[in-house]
Amino acid sequence: MDELTASARKAEAERLRMVLKCSEAKQMPLLAEHLAFETDESAKSCLKILKLAVADGKATPSKP
């Protein structure tokens, strides 16, 4: 494997790790998996989306 390929794989592994291991991913695992595997969003962008989704979920009143 050449150096460029190894560097790209390492960067993608770190991106996946950051998205899937954050505390918000534990609360919204399906969204975290979707963002990690089905998008090309940066880890920073994925984390922001997850934080907003968790906050929105907490703000939505539950129905009896």
Protein backbone atom coordinates (compact mmCIF):
# COMPACT_ATOMS: atom_id res chain seq x y z
CA MET A 1 0.00 0.00 0.00
CA ASP A 2 1.43 3.37 -0.92
CA GLU A 3 1.83 6.23 1.53
CA LEU A 4 -1.08 8.26 0.12
CA THR A 5 -3.49 5.33 0.40
CA ALA A 6 -2.35 4.57 3.94
CA SER A 7 -2.81 8.21 4.91
CA ALA A 8 -6.33 8.31 3.43
CA ARG A 9 -7.31 5.10 5.24
CA LYS A 10 -5.98 6.43 8.52
CA ALA A 11 -7.89 9.70 8.09
CA GLU A 12 -11.14 7.87 7.28
CA ALA A 13 -10.70 5.53 10.26
CA GLU A 14 -10.22 8.55 12.52
CA ARG A 15 -13.34 10.21 11.06
CA LEU A 16 -15.40 7.08 11.69
CA ARG A 17 -14.01 6.74 15.22
CA MET A 18 -14.85 10.36 16.08
CA VAL A 19 -18.41 10.08 14.80
CA LEU A 20 -19.24 6.65 16.22
CA LYS A 21 -17.59 7.10 19.63
CA CYS A 22 -19.03 10.50 20.59
CA SER A 23 -21.59 10.65 23.39
CA GLU A 24 -24.33 11.75 20.99
CA ALA A 25 -23.80 8.61 18.90
CA LYS A 26 -24.78 6.54 21.92
CA GLN A 27 -28.08 8.43 22.05
CA MET A 28 -28.71 8.34 18.30
CA PRO A 29 -26.84 5.33 16.92
CA LEU A 30 -28.79 5.04 13.66
CA LEU A 31 -28.15 8.66 12.76
CA ALA A 32 -24.49 8.33 13.74
CA GLU A 33 -24.09 5.25 11.55
CA HIS A 34 -25.81 6.96 8.65
CA LEU A 35 -23.59 10.03 8.93
CA ALA A 36 -20.45 7.92 9.30
CA PHE A 37 -21.03 5.45 6.49
CA GLU A 38 -23.47 7.06 4.07
CA THR A 39 -22.12 10.62 3.83
CA ASP A 40 -18.86 12.35 3.05
CA GLU A 41 -19.41 14.96 5.77
CA SER A 42 -16.41 15.83 7.90
CA ALA A 43 -16.30 14.51 11.46
CA LYS A 44 -16.80 18.07 12.71
CA SER A 45 -19.95 18.45 10.61
CA CYS A 46 -21.28 15.04 11.70
CA LEU A 47 -20.75 15.88 15.36
CA LYS A 48 -22.59 19.17 14.93
CA ILE A 49 -25.54 17.40 13.28
CA LEU A 50 -25.66 14.79 16.05
CA LYS A 51 -25.56 17.46 18.78
CA LEU A 52 -28.41 19.35 17.12
CA ALA A 53 -30.46 16.18 16.70
CA VAL A 54 -30.01 15.21 20.37
CA ALA A 55 -30.94 18.73 21.50
CA ASP A 56 -33.98 18.72 19.22
CA GLY A 57 -35.04 15.33 20.56
CA LYS A 58 -34.88 16.64 24.11
CA ALA A 59 -36.86 19.76 23.17
CA THR A 60 -39.69 17.81 21.55
CA PRO A 61 -42.43 17.10 24.08
CA SER A 62 -43.32 13.47 24.43
CA LYS A 63 -46.88 12.43 23.66
CA PRO A 64 -48.89 10.60 26.30
